[in-house]
C-alpha cells in the first residue's frame, strides 16, 4: 500500500514474455488515451454514467485477475471503511470530476491538468507527512510546476477563452489523488493484504458509490451509441483495470522510480490524441506550459541518494491504492 509495504523485487519476479519497455509504452498509451475515451463517452452519456461504466468494467478486469490468482477480499471492518474512503478519493471523485470537466474543456487540457498531481502531492506531503522533508530542489520544482500551470492557462491573457469551471474541476480531480494517497499511507500502510486484493475491494466500493449516486442525478439513457459505449468500456477495462495490472508488474520488475515515469508521457499522448483524433485546437502556451509542469513535477519527485537507498519499492499505482497513483486517470 505504501513504500513501507513489502513489494516484489526485481530479483524475485520471473522474467516476463513481453519486454517491460513494451508494457511501459502500452501503459503510457492507455492512460494517455483515457482522456479521449472520456471525451467521446460524455458526448452521449452523463459524466456520472461514464464514471460508473468505467468502474464497472475496471472492477471486472481486476476481479478476473483476482479469481485467476485465487486472491481473497480483505477482512476487517476498519479495512473496508478505509478502502471506501480511498475508493472515493482515488477513484469515484476524481474520475467523476474529470468526466464533468471534459464537458467544457478539451481532453488535452484535462490530460495536462492530470500531470499536476505530483505538484499537489509535494505541497500536501510537506504538511501531512513528516518523513517528506522539503529540499531546495523539490521546493523549486513546486514553484516551476505551478508556473507551468499558469502558462497553460494563459494567465497573462486573463484566462481569455478558457472555461474556468471545467479547468478547476480537472485540477480538483488531480488534487484528489494525493489526498487519497496520503490517507492510504496513514490508514492502510500496515495492511497485510495483497495489493491486488485491496485494489479489487477499493474499486468495488467505488463502483457501489457511483451506483448509488448516478440514478439520483441522471436518467436512464434513451440510446446506447456504439462508439461512446466502446469508449466507456475501453476507459474502464484498459484505462482502469488493465492499467493497474500492467503497472503493478512494472513496479515489481523495474522498480517504482522507472515505472512512475509513465506520468510524464501521459499528457503528451493525451494532447496528441486530442489534436489528431478529435480536432482540438492547440496554442503555443499549452505544450510549453505542459513541458514546464512536467519539469517541475520531476523535480518534486527527486530524492536524496541516501533516502532512495533506504526506501522499499512502492507498490503499483494504476487505479489502485498505492502511494504513487493511475491511476491517476
Protein backbone atom coordinates (compact mmCIF):
# COMPACT_ATOMS: atom_id res chain seq x y z
CA UNK A 1 0.00 0.00 0.00
CA UNK A 2 2.92 2.36 0.54
CA UNK A 3 6.66 2.47 0.49
CA UNK A 4 6.64 0.60 3.81
CA UNK A 5 4.65 -2.29 2.38
CA UNK A 6 6.69 -5.24 1.13
CA UNK A 7 6.67 -5.43 -2.65
CA UNK A 8 8.14 -7.91 -5.08
CA UNK A 9 11.71 -7.11 -6.02
CA UNK A 10 13.13 -7.42 -9.48
CA UNK A 11 15.13 -10.50 -8.47
CA UNK A 12 12.05 -12.31 -7.16
CA UNK A 13 9.89 -11.68 -10.23
CA UNK A 14 10.01 -14.22 -13.07
CA UNK A 15 11.11 -13.00 -16.46
CA UNK A 16 8.16 -11.70 -18.48
CA UNK A 17 7.42 -12.82 -22.01
CA UNK A 18 6.80 -9.23 -23.13
CA UNK A 19 9.68 -6.81 -22.55
CA UNK A 20 8.97 -4.21 -19.87
CA UNK A 21 9.61 -1.38 -22.32
CA UNK A 22 6.71 -2.53 -24.47
CA UNK A 23 4.45 -2.75 -21.42
CA UNK A 24 5.64 0.69 -20.33
CA UNK A 25 4.71 2.05 -23.76
CA UNK A 26 1.33 0.33 -23.63
CA UNK A 27 0.59 1.81 -20.22
CA UNK A 28 1.52 5.27 -21.47
CA UNK A 29 -0.84 4.88 -24.43
CA UNK A 30 -3.69 3.54 -22.31
CA UNK A 31 -3.51 6.35 -19.78
CA UNK A 32 -2.96 8.99 -22.46
CA UNK A 33 -5.98 7.83 -24.47
CA UNK A 34 -8.16 7.66 -21.35
CA UNK A 35 -8.90 11.38 -21.69
CA UNK A 36 -10.00 10.88 -25.28
CA UNK A 37 -12.22 7.96 -24.20
CA UNK A 38 -13.83 10.19 -21.56
CA UNK A 39 -14.45 12.92 -24.11
CA UNK A 40 -16.12 10.52 -26.52
CA UNK A 41 -18.15 8.92 -23.72
CA UNK A 42 -19.51 12.21 -22.41
CA UNK A 43 -20.81 13.09 -25.87
CA UNK A 44 -23.65 10.59 -25.37
CA UNK A 45 -23.71 9.77 -21.65
CA UNK A 46 -23.83 11.83 -18.48
CA UNK A 47 -20.49 12.18 -16.64
CA UNK A 48 -21.70 10.05 -13.72
CA UNK A 49 -22.77 7.35 -16.18
CA UNK A 50 -19.37 7.41 -17.86
CA UNK A 51 -17.67 7.05 -14.48
CA UNK A 52 -19.98 4.27 -13.37
CA UNK A 53 -19.37 2.36 -16.60
CA UNK A 54 -15.64 2.91 -16.23
CA UNK A 55 -15.65 1.49 -12.71
CA UNK A 56 -17.83 -1.48 -13.66
CA UNK A 57 -15.50 -2.54 -16.47
CA UNK A 58 -12.36 -1.78 -14.48
CA UNK A 59 -13.57 -3.74 -11.45
CA UNK A 60 -14.49 -6.67 -13.68
CA UNK A 61 -10.94 -6.88 -15.06
CA UNK A 62 -9.38 -6.80 -11.59
CA UNK A 63 -11.94 -9.32 -10.32
CA UNK A 64 -10.95 -11.73 -13.09
CA UNK A 65 -7.28 -11.29 -12.14
CA UNK A 66 -8.14 -11.97 -8.51
CA UNK A 67 -10.02 -15.14 -9.49
CA UNK A 68 -7.13 -16.38 -11.62
CA UNK A 69 -4.64 -15.77 -8.80
CA UNK A 70 -7.13 -17.03 -6.18
CA UNK A 71 -6.94 -13.82 -4.20
CA UNK A 72 -9.46 -13.26 -1.43
CA UNK A 73 -11.10 -9.98 -0.48
CA UNK A 74 -9.62 -8.30 2.60
CA UNK A 75 -11.14 -8.75 6.02
CA UNK A 76 -11.78 -6.37 8.87
CA UNK A 77 -14.43 -3.70 9.31
CA UNK A 78 -11.98 -0.79 9.52
CA UNK A 79 -10.09 -2.03 6.50
CA UNK A 80 -13.28 -1.80 4.47
CA UNK A 81 -14.08 1.64 5.91
CA UNK A 82 -10.66 2.93 4.91
CA UNK A 83 -10.97 1.34 1.47
CA UNK A 84 -14.33 3.04 1.00
CA UNK A 85 -12.72 6.43 1.68
CA UNK A 86 -9.81 5.52 -0.62
CA UNK A 87 -12.26 4.47 -3.33
CA UNK A 88 -13.95 7.86 -3.08
CA UNK A 89 -10.75 9.93 -3.12
CA UNK A 90 -8.78 7.88 -5.64
CA UNK A 91 -11.49 6.65 -7.98
CA UNK A 92 -15.11 7.80 -7.70
CA UNK A 93 -14.41 11.50 -7.08
CA UNK A 94 -11.51 12.22 -9.49
CA UNK A 95 -12.97 10.05 -12.26
CA UNK A 96 -16.27 11.94 -12.00
CA UNK A 97 -14.59 15.35 -11.83
CA UNK A 98 -12.54 14.64 -14.96
CA UNK A 99 -15.67 13.45 -16.78
CA UNK A 100 -17.54 16.64 -15.81
CA UNK A 101 -14.57 18.81 -16.76
CA UNK A 102 -14.46 17.38 -20.28
CA UNK A 103 -17.95 18.65 -20.95
CA UNK A 104 -16.41 22.09 -21.41
CA UNK A 105 -12.63 21.72 -21.84
CA UNK A 106 -10.55 19.77 -24.39
CA UNK A 107 -9.34 16.30 -23.46
CA UNK A 108 -5.77 17.53 -24.00
CA UNK A 109 -6.16 20.18 -21.30
CA UNK A 110 -7.64 17.61 -18.91
CA UNK A 111 -4.62 15.39 -19.51
CA UNK A 112 -2.24 18.24 -18.74
CA UNK A 113 -4.17 19.10 -15.56
CA UNK A 114 -3.78 15.48 -14.50
CA UNK A 115 0.00 15.92 -14.66
CA UNK A 116 -0.19 18.40 -11.77
CA UNK A 117 -0.89 15.59 -9.27
CA UNK A 118 2.79 15.28 -8.23
CA UNK A 119 2.82 19.03 -7.57
CA UNK A 120 -0.22 18.84 -5.31
CA UNK A 121 1.24 15.76 -3.67
CA UNK A 122 4.51 17.55 -2.96
CA UNK A 123 2.69 20.52 -1.42
CA UNK A 124 0.47 18.32 0.74
CA UNK A 125 3.24 15.95 1.86
CA UNK A 126 5.21 18.87 3.30
CA UNK A 127 2.30 19.42 5.66
CA UNK A 128 0.85 15.96 6.21
CA UNK A 129 3.84 13.58 6.00
CA UNK A 130 6.68 14.20 8.43
CA UNK A 131 9.03 11.85 6.55
CA UNK A 132 8.88 14.01 3.41
CA UNK A 133 11.31 16.79 4.22
CA UNK A 134 11.47 19.79 1.89
CA UNK A 135 14.63 20.31 -0.12
CA UNK A 136 15.62 23.26 -2.26
CA UNK A 137 15.25 21.16 -5.41
CA UNK A 138 11.76 19.96 -4.52
CA UNK A 139 10.53 23.40 -3.47
CA UNK A 140 11.96 24.80 -6.70
CA UNK A 141 10.14 22.07 -8.63
CA UNK A 142 6.90 23.04 -6.93
CA UNK A 143 7.31 26.66 -7.96
CA UNK A 144 8.33 25.78 -11.52
CA UNK A 145 5.41 23.38 -11.86
CA UNK A 146 2.80 25.92 -10.87
CA UNK A 147 4.42 28.45 -13.17
CA UNK A 148 3.80 25.90 -15.91
CA UNK A 149 0.16 25.63 -14.86
CA UNK A 150 -0.23 29.40 -15.19
CA UNK A 151 1.39 29.19 -18.63
CA UNK A 152 -1.04 26.51 -19.77
CA UNK A 153 -3.95 28.61 -18.51
CA UNK A 154 -2.67 31.76 -20.23
CA UNK A 155 -2.77 33.88 -17.08
CA UNK A 156 -1.28 36.93 -18.90
CA UNK A 157 -4.42 36.98 -21.06
CA UNK A 158 -6.72 36.96 -18.06
CA UNK A 159 -7.73 33.35 -18.83
CA UNK A 160 -9.34 34.56 -22.05
CA UNK A 161 -11.06 31.75 -23.95
CA UNK A 162 -10.63 29.34 -21.03
CA UNK A 163 -13.54 27.62 -19.32
CA UNK A 164 -12.62 28.31 -15.71
CA UNK A 165 -15.14 25.89 -14.22
CA UNK A 166 -14.08 22.93 -16.35
CA UNK A 167 -10.39 23.62 -15.74
CA UNK A 168 -10.97 23.98 -12.00
CA UNK A 169 -12.77 20.62 -11.93
CA UNK A 170 -9.84 18.93 -13.71
CA UNK A 171 -7.33 20.50 -11.29
CA UNK A 172 -9.52 19.47 -8.35
CA UNK A 173 -9.53 15.91 -9.70
CA UNK A 174 -5.75 15.87 -9.86
CA UNK A 175 -5.68 17.27 -6.29
CA UNK A 176 -7.91 14.44 -5.07
CA UNK A 177 -5.28 11.80 -5.91
CA UNK A 178 -2.55 12.91 -3.48
CA UNK A 179 -5.17 13.48 -0.76
CA UNK A 180 -6.17 9.86 -1.25
CA UNK A 181 -2.56 8.65 -1.29
CA UNK A 182 -1.81 10.40 1.99
CA UNK A 183 -4.96 8.92 3.54
CA UNK A 184 -3.95 5.46 2.40
CA UNK A 185 -0.45 5.82 3.79
CA UNK A 186 -1.84 6.85 7.16
CA UNK A 187 -4.52 4.15 7.41
CA UNK A 188 -3.61 1.12 5.29
CA UNK A 189 0.19 1.10 5.08
CA UNK A 190 0.42 -1.72 7.64
CA UNK A 191 -2.18 -3.93 5.93
CA UNK A 192 -1.03 -7.48 5.25
CA UNK A 193 -3.46 -7.97 2.40
CA UNK A 194 -2.10 -8.10 -1.14
CA UNK A 195 -2.23 -5.01 -3.35
CA UNK A 196 -4.46 -6.86 -5.81
CA UNK A 197 -6.93 -7.79 -3.08
CA UNK A 198 -7.04 -4.26 -1.67
CA UNK A 199 -7.44 -2.72 -5.11
CA UNK A 200 -10.24 -5.09 -6.06
CA UNK A 201 -12.14 -4.17 -2.89
CA UNK A 202 -11.45 -0.45 -3.37
CA UNK A 203 -12.71 -0.44 -6.96
CA UNK A 204 -15.75 -2.48 -5.94
CA UNK A 205 -16.62 0.04 -3.24
CA UNK A 206 -16.11 2.97 -5.61
CA UNK A 207 -18.45 1.24 -8.07
CA UNK A 208 -21.11 0.89 -5.37
CA UNK A 209 -20.75 4.59 -4.52
CA UNK A 210 -21.39 5.58 -8.14
CA UNK A 211 -24.19 3.04 -8.44
CA UNK A 212 -25.99 4.89 -5.63
CA UNK A 213 -25.23 8.42 -6.84
CA UNK A 214 -25.81 8.02 -10.58
CA UNK A 215 -29.56 7.22 -10.52
CA UNK A 216 -30.14 10.20 -8.22
CA UNK A 217 -28.68 12.73 -10.66
CA UNK A 218 -29.19 11.16 -14.08
CA UNK A 219 -31.92 9.41 -16.01
CA UNK A 220 -31.58 6.21 -17.97
CA UNK A 221 -30.05 6.82 -21.42
CA UNK A 222 -32.56 6.58 -24.24
CA UNK A 223 -29.96 5.08 -26.58
CA UNK A 224 -26.56 3.40 -26.42
CA UNK A 225 -24.47 4.57 -29.39
CA UNK A 226 -21.78 2.07 -30.25
CA UNK A 227 -18.75 4.38 -30.32
CA UNK A 228 -19.35 6.12 -26.94
CA UNK A 229 -20.23 2.78 -25.38
CA UNK A 230 -16.98 1.25 -26.65
CA UNK A 231 -15.11 4.31 -25.36
CA UNK A 232 -16.51 3.81 -21.86
CA UNK A 233 -15.71 0.10 -21.98
CA UNK A 234 -12.14 0.82 -23.08
CA UNK A 235 -11.81 3.52 -20.43
CA UNK A 236 -12.70 1.02 -17.72
CA UNK A 237 -11.23 -2.24 -18.98
CA UNK A 238 -8.00 -0.70 -20.28
CA UNK A 239 -7.54 2.64 -18.51
CA UNK A 240 -8.51 1.34 -15.06
CA UNK A 241 -8.39 -2.45 -14.87
CA UNK A 242 -5.59 -3.46 -17.24
CA UNK A 243 -3.54 -0.35 -16.42
CA UNK A 244 -3.32 -1.34 -12.77
CA UNK A 245 -2.20 -4.87 -13.59
CA UNK A 246 0.45 -3.62 -16.03
CA UNK A 247 1.80 -1.03 -13.63
CA UNK A 248 1.98 -3.46 -10.74
CA UNK A 249 4.11 -5.76 -12.89
CA UNK A 250 6.31 -2.84 -13.93
CA UNK A 251 6.90 -1.75 -10.33
CA UNK A 252 7.75 -5.32 -9.37
CA UNK A 253 10.15 -5.76 -12.29
CA UNK A 254 11.92 -2.42 -12.76
CA UNK A 255 11.08 -0.55 -9.56
CA UNK A 256 8.78 2.38 -8.76
CA UNK A 257 11.15 5.12 -9.95
CA UNK A 258 11.23 3.84 -13.52
CA UNK A 259 7.57 2.78 -13.54
CA UNK A 260 6.28 6.16 -12.36
CA UNK A 261 7.98 7.89 -15.31
CA UNK A 262 4.90 6.94 -17.30
CA UNK A 263 3.33 10.01 -15.68
CA UNK A 264 5.46 12.24 -17.90
CA UNK A 265 4.34 10.58 -21.14
CA UNK A 266 0.60 10.59 -20.37
CA UNK A 267 -0.12 14.31 -21.04
CA UNK A 268 1.95 14.21 -24.23
CA UNK A 269 -0.12 11.33 -25.58
CA UNK A 270 -3.38 12.87 -24.33
CA UNK A 271 -2.57 16.10 -26.17
CA UNK A 272 -1.51 14.33 -29.37
CA UNK A 273 -4.65 12.16 -29.34
CA UNK A 274 -6.95 15.13 -28.72
CA UNK A 275 -5.45 17.19 -31.52
CA UNK A 276 -5.08 14.39 -34.08
CA UNK A 277 -8.30 12.45 -33.49
CA UNK A 278 -10.72 14.98 -32.03
CA UNK A 279 -9.50 18.06 -33.87
CA UNK A 280 -8.86 20.02 -30.67
CA UNK A 281 -7.06 23.34 -31.07
CA UNK A 282 -3.63 23.85 -29.57
CA UNK A 283 -1.99 27.20 -28.81
CA UNK A 284 1.72 27.58 -28.15
CA UNK A 285 1.18 28.06 -24.41
CA UNK A 286 -0.31 24.59 -23.95
CA UNK A 287 2.71 22.43 -24.92
CA UNK A 288 5.19 24.95 -23.46
CA UNK A 289 3.31 25.09 -20.18
CA UNK A 290 2.92 21.31 -20.11
CA UNK A 291 6.69 20.90 -20.51
CA UNK A 292 7.27 23.27 -17.60
CA UNK A 293 4.71 21.39 -15.48
CA UNK A 294 6.43 18.07 -16.16
CA UNK A 295 9.86 19.54 -15.40
CA UNK A 296 8.59 20.84 -12.09
CA UNK A 297 6.87 17.55 -11.29
CA UNK A 298 10.11 15.67 -11.99
CA UNK A 299 11.99 17.89 -9.54
CA UNK A 300 9.38 17.38 -6.82
CA UNK A 301 9.89 13.62 -7.09
CA UNK A 302 13.66 13.88 -6.62
CA UNK A 303 15.00 12.19 -3.51
CA UNK A 304 18.46 12.34 -1.92
CA UNK A 305 20.55 9.29 -2.72
CA UNK A 306 20.59 8.17 0.89
CA UNK A 307 16.79 8.31 1.06
CA UNK A 308 16.39 6.38 -2.19
CA UNK A 309 18.69 3.64 -0.93
CA UNK A 310 16.62 3.23 2.24
CA UNK A 311 13.22 3.16 0.59
CA UNK A 312 11.47 -0.09 -0.12
CA UNK A 313 9.97 -0.23 -3.63
CA UNK A 314 6.48 1.24 -3.64
CA UNK A 315 3.50 -0.75 -4.90
CA UNK A 316 1.83 -0.18 -8.20
CA UNK A 317 -0.45 2.76 -8.60
CA UNK A 318 -2.70 2.21 -11.61
CA UNK A 319 -6.28 2.55 -10.44
CA UNK A 320 -5.11 1.33 -7.11
CA UNK A 321 -4.48 2.28 -3.54
CA UNK A 322 -0.75 2.77 -3.93
CA UNK A 323 1.02 5.91 -2.83
CA UNK A 324 2.11 6.53 -6.40
CA UNK A 325 -1.16 6.51 -8.18
CA UNK A 326 -3.46 5.69 -12.32
CA UNK A 327 -4.16 5.96 -11.84
CA UNK A 328 -4.15 8.68 -11.87
CA UNK A 329 -6.59 8.86 -14.53
